[in-house]
Amino acid sequence: MAKQNIMTVASLKKLLNEFENDLHIFTELLSEFNIYIEKEKKEFELAQEEVRQEALRKKNIEKHKRKIASLIIEKTKDKNIPDEILEFLIVTWSRLIVEASVSNEAIGGPGGEKSLQLIDDLVWSLSPKDSTEQRKKMIILLPDILKIIRQGLKRIDYDFEKNIKIFELLENHHFSVLKNTSAVK
């Protein structure tokens, strides 16, 4: 609106200062006005395209979130994953995977790939271990699993209180798995 008012004031000043008996001034002003309208039209079209691109990006992100949530559900089906951890994976970890994928432009990028692998590793770590060898392997892998979770949560500025809660929950369930008992939900 301010640009339009400036154009109008400038045009009126030019008209008042230069018009006497020469009607050519109207042709000049019309030409300036048409240039101004074309410029505004192009800016509007650019803005429309940006809005369209942003809407498309958001639609793709939502589609990607649903795909990741389905993948998590598939990977955890028939596993004895605590509800709170399953919810964490579906809500929070899927968000992290999508953000890592978007920033790397592909799910195979370093962030997305590591985040996807974590699901398998975490599900495995929460599953009962039948042998001493499996428990030893879990003890070796667990620090890396927890490190990746910490890094991921830091990346998305995960709430501090929720962060503490999820790590306490993971600790309890991992401890139960190592002891070969079931954790209290």
N, C-alpha and C. Protein backbone atom coordinates (compact mmCIF):
# COMPACT_ATOMS: atom_id res chain seq x y z
N MET A 1 0.82 -1.20 0.00
CA MET A 1 0.00 0.00 0.00
C MET A 1 0.86 1.26 0.00
N ALA A 2 1.95 1.27 0.76
CA ALA A 2 2.84 2.42 0.82
C ALA A 2 3.48 2.67 -0.53
N LYS A 3 3.89 1.58 -1.24
CA LYS A 3 4.47 1.73 -2.57
C LYS A 3 3.46 2.37 -3.52
N GLN A 4 2.20 1.95 -3.42
CA GLN A 4 1.16 2.47 -4.29
C GLN A 4 0.95 3.95 -4.02
N ASN A 5 0.94 4.35 -2.76
CA ASN A 5 0.77 5.75 -2.40
C ASN A 5 1.93 6.60 -2.89
N ILE A 6 3.16 6.08 -2.81
CA ILE A 6 4.33 6.80 -3.29
C ILE A 6 4.22 7.02 -4.80
N MET A 7 3.80 5.97 -5.51
CA MET A 7 3.62 6.08 -6.95
C MET A 7 2.57 7.14 -7.28
N THR A 8 1.51 7.17 -6.57
CA THR A 8 0.43 8.11 -6.81
C THR A 8 0.89 9.54 -6.51
N VAL A 9 1.56 9.76 -5.41
CA VAL A 9 2.04 11.09 -5.03
C VAL A 9 3.06 11.59 -6.05
N ALA A 10 4.00 10.71 -6.45
CA ALA A 10 5.00 11.11 -7.43
C ALA A 10 4.35 11.46 -8.76
N SER A 11 3.38 10.66 -9.17
CA SER A 11 2.69 10.91 -10.44
C SER A 11 1.91 12.23 -10.39
N LEU A 12 1.25 12.48 -9.26
CA LEU A 12 0.49 13.73 -9.13
C LEU A 12 1.41 14.94 -9.14
N LYS A 13 2.56 14.84 -8.47
CA LYS A 13 3.51 15.96 -8.47
C LYS A 13 4.02 16.23 -9.89
N LYS A 14 4.34 15.13 -10.60
CA LYS A 14 4.82 15.28 -11.98
C LYS A 14 3.74 15.93 -12.84
N LEU A 15 2.50 15.48 -12.67
CA LEU A 15 1.38 16.03 -13.44
C LEU A 15 1.20 17.51 -13.14
N LEU A 16 1.22 17.88 -11.87
CA LEU A 16 1.02 19.28 -11.49
C LEU A 16 2.18 20.17 -11.94
N ASN A 17 3.40 19.64 -11.85
CA ASN A 17 4.57 20.45 -12.20
C ASN A 17 4.79 20.56 -13.71
N GLU A 18 4.44 19.54 -14.48
CA GLU A 18 4.78 19.53 -15.90
C GLU A 18 3.60 19.78 -16.84
N PHE A 19 2.39 19.66 -16.36
CA PHE A 19 1.25 19.82 -17.25
C PHE A 19 0.87 21.29 -17.37
N GLU A 20 0.85 21.73 -18.59
CA GLU A 20 0.32 23.07 -18.86
C GLU A 20 -0.65 22.93 -20.01
N ASN A 21 -0.13 22.72 -21.18
CA ASN A 21 -0.99 22.49 -22.33
C ASN A 21 -0.58 21.23 -23.08
N ASP A 22 0.43 20.55 -22.55
CA ASP A 22 0.99 19.37 -23.23
C ASP A 22 0.29 18.11 -22.72
N LEU A 23 -0.46 17.47 -23.57
CA LEU A 23 -1.15 16.25 -23.18
C LEU A 23 -0.23 15.03 -23.22
N HIS A 24 0.99 15.22 -23.70
CA HIS A 24 1.97 14.13 -23.76
C HIS A 24 2.30 13.59 -22.36
N ILE A 25 2.15 14.42 -21.38
CA ILE A 25 2.42 14.01 -19.99
C ILE A 25 1.56 12.81 -19.59
N PHE A 26 0.33 12.76 -20.10
CA PHE A 26 -0.56 11.64 -19.77
C PHE A 26 -0.05 10.34 -20.38
N THR A 27 0.53 10.41 -21.55
CA THR A 27 1.11 9.22 -22.18
C THR A 27 2.28 8.71 -21.35
N GLU A 28 3.14 9.64 -20.90
CA GLU A 28 4.28 9.26 -20.06
C GLU A 28 3.81 8.61 -18.75
N LEU A 29 2.84 9.25 -18.12
CA LEU A 29 2.33 8.73 -16.85
C LEU A 29 1.68 7.36 -17.02
N LEU A 30 0.96 7.20 -18.14
CA LEU A 30 0.33 5.92 -18.42
C LEU A 30 1.40 4.84 -18.62
N SER A 31 2.46 5.20 -19.33
CA SER A 31 3.56 4.26 -19.55
C SER A 31 4.22 3.88 -18.22
N GLU A 32 4.48 4.87 -17.38
CA GLU A 32 5.07 4.60 -16.05
C GLU A 32 4.14 3.72 -15.22
N PHE A 33 2.85 4.02 -15.31
CA PHE A 33 1.87 3.25 -14.55
C PHE A 33 1.83 1.80 -15.03
N ASN A 34 1.89 1.59 -16.35
CA ASN A 34 1.89 0.23 -16.90
C ASN A 34 3.14 -0.55 -16.49
N ILE A 35 4.28 0.12 -16.47
CA ILE A 35 5.52 -0.51 -16.00
C ILE A 35 5.37 -0.91 -14.53
N TYR A 36 4.82 0.01 -13.76
CA TYR A 36 4.60 -0.26 -12.33
C TYR A 36 3.66 -1.45 -12.14
N ILE A 37 2.58 -1.50 -12.91
CA ILE A 37 1.61 -2.61 -12.81
C ILE A 37 2.27 -3.92 -13.20
N GLU A 38 3.08 -3.94 -14.24
CA GLU A 38 3.78 -5.16 -14.66
C GLU A 38 4.73 -5.65 -13.56
N LYS A 39 5.44 -4.70 -12.97
CA LYS A 39 6.37 -5.05 -11.88
C LYS A 39 5.60 -5.67 -10.71
N GLU A 40 4.50 -5.05 -10.34
CA GLU A 40 3.68 -5.56 -9.25
C GLU A 40 3.11 -6.94 -9.58
N LYS A 41 2.71 -7.12 -10.83
CA LYS A 41 2.16 -8.40 -11.27
C LYS A 41 3.22 -9.50 -11.15
N LYS A 42 4.45 -9.20 -11.58
CA LYS A 42 5.53 -10.18 -11.48
C LYS A 42 5.84 -10.51 -10.02
N GLU A 43 5.87 -9.50 -9.17
CA GLU A 43 6.12 -9.74 -7.74
C GLU A 43 5.01 -10.60 -7.13
N PHE A 44 3.78 -10.32 -7.53
CA PHE A 44 2.65 -11.11 -7.05
C PHE A 44 2.75 -12.55 -7.51
N GLU A 45 3.12 -12.76 -8.78
CA GLU A 45 3.26 -14.12 -9.31
C GLU A 45 4.38 -14.87 -8.59
N LEU A 46 5.49 -14.17 -8.31
CA LEU A 46 6.58 -14.79 -7.55
C LEU A 46 6.12 -15.18 -6.15
N ALA A 47 5.40 -14.29 -5.52
CA ALA A 47 4.89 -14.58 -4.17
C ALA A 47 3.93 -15.76 -4.20
N GLN A 48 3.08 -15.81 -5.22
CA GLN A 48 2.15 -16.94 -5.37
C GLN A 48 2.92 -18.25 -5.54
N GLU A 49 3.97 -18.22 -6.34
CA GLU A 49 4.78 -19.42 -6.57
C GLU A 49 5.47 -19.87 -5.28
N GLU A 50 5.96 -18.92 -4.51
CA GLU A 50 6.59 -19.26 -3.22
C GLU A 50 5.58 -19.91 -2.28
N VAL A 51 4.37 -19.38 -2.24
CA VAL A 51 3.32 -19.96 -1.39
C VAL A 51 2.98 -21.37 -1.88
N ARG A 52 2.88 -21.54 -3.18
CA ARG A 52 2.58 -22.84 -3.75
C ARG A 52 3.68 -23.84 -3.42
N GLN A 53 4.93 -23.42 -3.58
CA GLN A 53 6.07 -24.30 -3.29
C GLN A 53 6.10 -24.68 -1.80
N GLU A 54 5.81 -23.72 -0.93
CA GLU A 54 5.79 -24.00 0.52
C GLU A 54 4.67 -24.98 0.86
N ALA A 55 3.51 -24.80 0.26
CA ALA A 55 2.39 -25.73 0.49
C ALA A 55 2.75 -27.13 0.00
N LEU A 56 3.39 -27.22 -1.14
CA LEU A 56 3.82 -28.50 -1.68
C LEU A 56 4.86 -29.16 -0.77
N ARG A 57 5.79 -28.35 -0.27
CA ARG A 57 6.83 -28.85 0.65
C ARG A 57 6.17 -29.41 1.92
N LYS A 58 5.22 -28.66 2.47
CA LYS A 58 4.53 -29.12 3.69
C LYS A 58 3.75 -30.40 3.43
N LYS A 59 3.12 -30.47 2.27
CA LYS A 59 2.36 -31.67 1.90
C LYS A 59 3.30 -32.87 1.81
N ASN A 60 4.46 -32.67 1.19
CA ASN A 60 5.45 -33.75 1.07
C ASN A 60 6.00 -34.17 2.43
N ILE A 61 6.20 -33.20 3.31
CA ILE A 61 6.69 -33.52 4.66
C ILE A 61 5.65 -34.35 5.40
N GLU A 62 4.38 -33.97 5.31
CA GLU A 62 3.32 -34.73 5.97
C GLU A 62 3.23 -36.15 5.41
N LYS A 63 3.34 -36.26 4.11
CA LYS A 63 3.32 -37.57 3.45
C LYS A 63 4.50 -38.41 3.95
N HIS A 64 5.65 -37.79 4.06
CA HIS A 64 6.86 -38.45 4.53
C HIS A 64 6.70 -38.89 6.00
N LYS A 65 6.09 -38.02 6.82
CA LYS A 65 5.85 -38.37 8.23
C LYS A 65 4.97 -39.61 8.34
N ARG A 66 3.90 -39.65 7.54
CA ARG A 66 3.01 -40.81 7.56
C ARG A 66 3.75 -42.07 7.12
N LYS A 67 4.59 -41.93 6.11
CA LYS A 67 5.37 -43.07 5.62
C LYS A 67 6.31 -43.58 6.71
N ILE A 68 6.98 -42.68 7.39
CA ILE A 68 7.91 -43.06 8.46
C ILE A 68 7.13 -43.69 9.63
N ALA A 69 6.00 -43.11 9.99
CA ALA A 69 5.20 -43.67 11.08
C ALA A 69 4.75 -45.09 10.73
N SER A 70 4.34 -45.31 9.49
CA SER A 70 3.95 -46.65 9.04
C SER A 70 5.13 -47.61 9.11
N LEU A 71 6.29 -47.13 8.71
CA LEU A 71 7.50 -47.94 8.76
C LEU A 71 7.82 -48.34 10.20
N ILE A 72 7.70 -47.39 11.11
CA ILE A 72 7.96 -47.67 12.53
C ILE A 72 6.96 -48.70 13.05
N ILE A 73 5.71 -48.52 12.71
CA ILE A 73 4.67 -49.46 13.16
C ILE A 73 4.97 -50.85 12.62
N GLU A 74 5.38 -50.93 11.35
CA GLU A 74 5.71 -52.21 10.74
C GLU A 74 6.90 -52.86 11.45
N LYS A 75 7.94 -52.07 11.74
CA LYS A 75 9.14 -52.61 12.38
C LYS A 75 8.89 -53.03 13.83
N THR A 76 7.91 -52.45 14.47
CA THR A 76 7.66 -52.75 15.88
C THR A 76 6.50 -53.71 16.10
N LYS A 77 5.79 -54.04 15.01
CA LYS A 77 4.64 -54.94 15.16
C LYS A 77 5.15 -56.30 15.63
N ASP A 78 4.38 -56.93 16.45
CA ASP A 78 4.72 -58.24 17.02
C ASP A 78 5.95 -58.20 17.92
N LYS A 79 6.36 -57.01 18.31
CA LYS A 79 7.47 -56.86 19.27
C LYS A 79 6.86 -56.35 20.56
N ASN A 80 7.50 -56.66 21.63
CA ASN A 80 7.01 -56.23 22.92
C ASN A 80 7.63 -54.88 23.28
N ILE A 81 7.26 -53.86 22.51
CA ILE A 81 7.79 -52.52 22.73
C ILE A 81 6.84 -51.77 23.65
N PRO A 82 7.37 -51.20 24.74
CA PRO A 82 6.51 -50.43 25.65
C PRO A 82 5.80 -49.30 24.91
N ASP A 83 4.55 -49.07 25.28
CA ASP A 83 3.73 -48.05 24.61
C ASP A 83 4.40 -46.68 24.57
N GLU A 84 5.02 -46.28 25.69
CA GLU A 84 5.65 -44.96 25.74
C GLU A 84 6.80 -44.85 24.75
N ILE A 85 7.54 -45.92 24.59
CA ILE A 85 8.67 -45.91 23.65
C ILE A 85 8.15 -45.97 22.21
N LEU A 86 7.11 -46.73 21.99
CA LEU A 86 6.49 -46.77 20.66
C LEU A 86 5.97 -45.39 20.28
N GLU A 87 5.31 -44.74 21.22
CA GLU A 87 4.82 -43.38 20.98
C GLU A 87 5.99 -42.43 20.70
N PHE A 88 7.06 -42.56 21.46
CA PHE A 88 8.26 -41.75 21.24
C PHE A 88 8.78 -41.95 19.81
N LEU A 89 8.86 -43.19 19.38
CA LEU A 89 9.36 -43.48 18.03
C LEU A 89 8.45 -42.89 16.96
N ILE A 90 7.14 -43.09 17.12
CA ILE A 90 6.19 -42.65 16.10
C ILE A 90 6.08 -41.12 16.05
N VAL A 91 6.01 -40.49 17.21
CA VAL A 91 5.80 -39.04 17.24
C VAL A 91 7.11 -38.27 17.11
N THR A 92 8.05 -38.58 17.98
CA THR A 92 9.27 -37.78 18.05
C THR A 92 10.34 -38.24 17.07
N TRP A 93 10.62 -39.53 17.08
CA TRP A 93 11.71 -40.01 16.24
C TRP A 93 11.37 -39.88 14.75
N SER A 94 10.09 -40.08 14.41
CA SER A 94 9.71 -39.90 13.00
C SER A 94 9.90 -38.45 12.58
N ARG A 95 9.63 -37.52 13.48
CA ARG A 95 9.86 -36.09 13.20
C ARG A 95 11.34 -35.85 12.92
N LEU A 96 12.18 -36.47 13.73
CA LEU A 96 13.62 -36.32 13.54
C LEU A 96 14.06 -36.89 12.20
N ILE A 97 13.53 -38.05 11.85
CA ILE A 97 13.89 -38.68 10.57
C ILE A 97 13.47 -37.78 9.41
N VAL A 98 12.28 -37.22 9.49
CA VAL A 98 11.80 -36.34 8.42
C VAL A 98 12.70 -35.11 8.32
N GLU A 99 13.02 -34.49 9.46
CA GLU A 99 13.88 -33.31 9.42
C GLU A 99 15.27 -33.64 8.89
N ALA A 100 15.81 -34.79 9.30
CA ALA A 100 17.12 -35.21 8.79
C ALA A 100 17.04 -35.48 7.29
N SER A 101 15.95 -36.09 6.86
CA SER A 101 15.78 -36.39 5.44
C SER A 101 15.63 -35.13 4.62
N VAL A 102 14.84 -34.19 5.12
CA VAL A 102 14.62 -32.93 4.40
C VAL A 102 15.93 -32.16 4.30
N SER A 103 16.68 -32.10 5.38
CA SER A 103 17.94 -31.34 5.35
C SER A 103 18.99 -32.02 4.49
N ASN A 104 18.90 -33.33 4.32
CA ASN A 104 19.84 -34.06 3.48
C ASN A 104 19.28 -34.34 2.10
N GLU A 105 18.05 -33.86 1.85
CA GLU A 105 17.38 -34.01 0.56
C GLU A 105 17.07 -35.45 0.18
N ALA A 106 17.36 -36.39 1.05
CA ALA A 106 17.00 -37.78 0.75
C ALA A 106 17.06 -38.59 2.03
N ILE A 107 16.22 -39.59 2.13
CA ILE A 107 16.20 -40.40 3.33
C ILE A 107 17.52 -41.15 3.49
N GLY A 108 18.24 -41.35 2.41
CA GLY A 108 19.52 -42.05 2.46
C GLY A 108 20.66 -41.17 2.92
N GLY A 109 20.40 -39.89 3.17
CA GLY A 109 21.45 -39.00 3.66
C GLY A 109 21.94 -39.46 5.02
N PRO A 110 23.08 -38.95 5.46
CA PRO A 110 23.69 -39.43 6.71
C PRO A 110 22.75 -39.36 7.91
N GLY A 111 22.03 -38.27 8.08
CA GLY A 111 21.13 -38.14 9.22
C GLY A 111 19.95 -39.08 9.14
N GLY A 112 19.33 -39.16 7.97
CA GLY A 112 18.15 -40.00 7.79
C GLY A 112 18.48 -41.48 7.92
N GLU A 113 19.58 -41.89 7.33
CA GLU A 113 19.98 -43.30 7.37
C GLU A 113 20.28 -43.75 8.81
N LYS A 114 21.02 -42.93 9.54
CA LYS A 114 21.36 -43.25 10.92
C LYS A 114 20.10 -43.29 11.79
N SER A 115 19.19 -42.36 11.53
CA SER A 115 17.95 -42.30 12.30
C SER A 115 17.06 -43.50 12.03
N LEU A 116 17.03 -43.96 10.78
CA LEU A 116 16.24 -45.15 10.44
C LEU A 116 16.87 -46.40 11.07
N GLN A 117 18.18 -46.49 11.00
CA GLN A 117 18.88 -47.65 11.58
C GLN A 117 18.64 -47.73 13.08
N LEU A 118 18.52 -46.57 13.71
CA LEU A 118 18.29 -46.56 15.15
C LEU A 118 17.01 -47.30 15.51
N ILE A 119 15.99 -47.20 14.69
CA ILE A 119 14.73 -47.89 14.99
C ILE A 119 14.99 -49.39 15.12
N ASP A 120 15.67 -49.96 14.14
CA ASP A 120 15.98 -51.39 14.19
C ASP A 120 16.81 -51.73 15.42
N ASP A 121 17.84 -50.91 15.66
CA ASP A 121 18.73 -51.17 16.80
C ASP A 121 17.99 -51.05 18.13
N LEU A 122 17.15 -50.04 18.24
CA LEU A 122 16.41 -49.83 19.49
C LEU A 122 15.40 -50.96 19.71
N VAL A 123 14.69 -51.33 18.66
CA VAL A 123 13.72 -52.43 18.77
C VAL A 123 14.46 -53.70 19.20
N TRP A 124 15.59 -53.96 18.58
CA TRP A 124 16.38 -55.14 18.95
C TRP A 124 16.83 -55.05 20.41
N SER A 125 17.27 -53.87 20.83
CA SER A 125 17.77 -53.73 22.21
C SER A 125 16.65 -53.90 23.25
N LEU A 126 15.42 -53.63 22.86
CA LEU A 126 14.30 -53.75 23.79
C LEU A 126 13.66 -55.15 23.76
N SER A 127 14.09 -55.96 22.82
CA SER A 127 13.55 -57.32 22.72
C SER A 127 14.29 -58.24 23.68
N PRO A 128 13.59 -59.25 24.19
CA PRO A 128 14.24 -60.18 25.13
C PRO A 128 15.49 -60.84 24.51
N LYS A 129 16.49 -61.03 25.35
CA LYS A 129 17.74 -61.66 24.91
C LYS A 129 17.79 -63.07 25.51
N ASP A 130 17.92 -64.04 24.61
CA ASP A 130 17.88 -65.43 25.03
C ASP A 130 19.24 -65.97 25.47
N SER A 131 20.29 -65.29 25.12
CA SER A 131 21.61 -65.84 25.43
C SER A 131 22.51 -64.78 26.06
N THR A 132 23.55 -65.25 26.67
CA THR A 132 24.56 -64.36 27.26
C THR A 132 25.24 -63.57 26.15
N GLU A 133 25.46 -64.20 25.00
CA GLU A 133 26.08 -63.53 23.86
C GLU A 133 25.26 -62.32 23.40
N GLN A 134 23.95 -62.50 23.32
CA GLN A 134 23.07 -61.40 22.91
C GLN A 134 23.11 -60.27 23.93
N ARG A 135 23.14 -60.63 25.21
CA ARG A 135 23.20 -59.60 26.24
C ARG A 135 24.53 -58.85 26.18
N LYS A 136 25.63 -59.58 25.91
CA LYS A 136 26.94 -58.92 25.76
C LYS A 136 26.93 -57.97 24.56
N LYS A 137 26.35 -58.43 23.46
CA LYS A 137 26.25 -57.59 22.26
C LYS A 137 25.44 -56.33 22.57
N MET A 138 24.37 -56.50 23.34
CA MET A 138 23.54 -55.36 23.71
C MET A 138 24.34 -54.37 24.54
N ILE A 139 25.13 -54.85 25.49
CA ILE A 139 25.95 -53.98 26.32
C ILE A 139 26.93 -53.19 25.47
N ILE A 140 27.44 -53.81 24.42
CA ILE A 140 28.37 -53.13 23.52
C ILE A 140 27.66 -52.08 22.67
N LEU A 141 26.47 -52.42 22.16
CA LEU A 141 25.74 -51.52 21.25
C LEU A 141 24.96 -50.41 21.96
N LEU A 142 24.57 -50.66 23.19
CA LEU A 142 23.70 -49.72 23.91
C LEU A 142 24.27 -48.30 24.01
N PRO A 143 25.54 -48.09 24.32
CA PRO A 143 26.04 -46.70 24.38
C PRO A 143 25.89 -45.96 23.05
N ASP A 144 26.12 -46.65 21.94
CA ASP A 144 25.96 -46.00 20.63
C ASP A 144 24.49 -45.67 20.35
N ILE A 145 23.61 -46.58 20.71
CA ILE A 145 22.17 -46.36 20.52
C ILE A 145 21.74 -45.11 21.31
N LEU A 146 22.13 -45.06 22.56
CA LEU A 146 21.76 -43.92 23.41
C LEU A 146 22.40 -42.62 22.93
N LYS A 147 23.62 -42.71 22.42
CA LYS A 147 24.30 -41.52 21.89
C LYS A 147 23.55 -40.97 20.68
N ILE A 148 23.12 -41.85 19.79
CA ILE A 148 22.38 -41.40 18.61
C ILE A 148 21.06 -40.77 19.03
N ILE A 149 20.40 -41.36 20.01
CA ILE A 149 19.14 -40.77 20.50
C ILE A 149 19.40 -39.39 21.08
N ARG A 150 20.43 -39.26 21.91
CA ARG A 150 20.78 -37.94 22.49
C ARG A 150 21.06 -36.92 21.40
N GLN A 151 21.86 -37.29 20.42
CA GLN A 151 22.19 -36.37 19.33
C GLN A 151 20.94 -35.96 18.56
N GLY A 152 20.09 -36.93 18.30
CA GLY A 152 18.85 -36.64 17.56
C GLY A 152 17.94 -35.71 18.33
N LEU A 153 17.78 -35.97 19.62
CA LEU A 153 16.91 -35.13 20.44
C LEU A 153 17.47 -33.72 20.58
N LYS A 154 18.79 -33.63 20.64
CA LYS A 154 19.43 -32.31 20.70
C LYS A 154 19.18 -31.55 19.40
N ARG A 155 19.23 -32.26 18.30
CA ARG A 155 19.03 -31.65 16.99
C ARG A 155 17.65 -31.01 16.85
N ILE A 156 16.64 -31.63 17.46
CA ILE A 156 15.28 -31.08 17.33
C ILE A 156 14.86 -30.31 18.59
N ASP A 157 15.83 -30.01 19.45
CA ASP A 157 15.55 -29.25 20.69
C ASP A 157 14.42 -29.88 21.50
N TYR A 158 14.54 -31.17 21.73
CA TYR A 158 13.53 -31.92 22.46
C TYR A 158 13.44 -31.40 23.89
N ASP A 159 12.24 -31.32 24.41
CA ASP A 159 11.98 -30.82 25.76
C ASP A 159 12.83 -31.56 26.79
N PHE A 160 13.49 -30.81 27.66
CA PHE A 160 14.41 -31.37 28.65
C PHE A 160 13.73 -32.39 29.57
N GLU A 161 12.56 -32.06 30.06
CA GLU A 161 11.84 -32.97 30.97
C GLU A 161 11.44 -34.27 30.26
N LYS A 162 10.97 -34.14 29.03
CA LYS A 162 10.62 -35.33 28.26
C LYS A 162 11.86 -36.16 27.95
N ASN A 163 12.97 -35.47 27.73
CA ASN A 163 14.24 -36.13 27.46
C ASN A 163 14.63 -37.01 28.65
N ILE A 164 14.55 -36.45 29.83
CA ILE A 164 14.89 -37.21 31.04
C ILE A 164 13.96 -38.41 31.16
N LYS A 165 12.68 -38.19 30.94
CA LYS A 165 11.69 -39.26 31.08
C LYS A 165 11.95 -40.41 30.10
N ILE A 166 12.25 -40.08 28.84
CA ILE A 166 12.46 -41.15 27.85
C ILE A 166 13.72 -41.94 28.18
N PHE A 167 14.76 -41.27 28.67
CA PHE A 167 15.99 -42.00 29.02
C PHE A 167 15.80 -42.85 30.27
N GLU A 168 15.00 -42.38 31.22
CA GLU A 168 14.68 -43.22 32.38
C GLU A 168 13.90 -44.45 31.95
N LEU A 169 12.95 -44.25 31.07
CA LEU A 169 12.14 -45.35 30.55
C LEU A 169 13.02 -46.36 29.81
N LEU A 170 13.90 -45.86 28.96
CA LEU A 170 14.81 -46.75 28.22
C LEU A 170 15.73 -47.49 29.19
N GLU A 171 16.22 -46.78 30.18
CA GLU A 171 17.10 -47.42 31.16
C GLU A 171 16.39 -48.56 31.88
N ASN A 172 15.18 -48.33 32.32
CA ASN A 172 14.41 -49.37 33.02
C ASN A 172 14.18 -50.59 32.13
N HIS A 173 13.79 -50.34 30.89
CA HIS A 173 13.51 -51.46 29.98
C HIS A 173 14.78 -52.19 29.56
N HIS A 174 15.83 -51.46 29.33
CA HIS A 174 17.10 -52.11 28.98
C HIS A 174 17.63 -52.94 30.16
N PHE A 175 17.49 -52.39 31.34
CA PHE A 175 17.93 -53.13 32.53
C PHE A 175 17.14 -54.43 32.67
N SER A 176 15.83 -54.34 32.44
CA SER A 176 14.99 -55.53 32.53
C SER A 176 15.37 -56.57 31.46
N VAL A 177 15.67 -56.09 30.25
CA VAL A 177 16.08 -56.99 29.18
C VAL A 177 17.38 -57.68 29.55
N LEU A 178 18.31 -56.92 30.10
CA LEU A 178 19.60 -57.50 30.50
C LEU A 178 19.43 -58.53 31.63
N LYS A 179 18.49 -58.25 32.51
CA LYS A 179 18.22 -59.19 33.60
C LYS A 179 17.34 -60.34 33.15
N ASN A 180 16.82 -60.19 31.92
CA ASN A 180 15.94 -61.19 31.32
C ASN A 180 14.61 -61.29 32.06
N THR A 181 14.09 -60.13 32.47
CA THR A 181 12.76 -60.07 33.09
C THR A 181 11.97 -59.04 32.31
N SER A 182 10.67 -58.96 32.53
CA SER A 182 9.90 -57.95 31.82
C SER A 182 9.77 -56.70 32.69
N ALA A 183 9.88 -55.54 32.06
CA ALA A 183 9.82 -54.27 32.76
C ALA A 183 8.39 -53.96 33.13
N VAL A 184 8.24 -53.22 34.22
CA VAL A 184 6.93 -52.76 34.64
C VAL A 184 6.55 -51.56 33.80
N LYS A 185 5.37 -51.61 33.21
CA LYS A 185 4.93 -50.49 32.36
C LYS A 185 4.39 -49.36 33.18
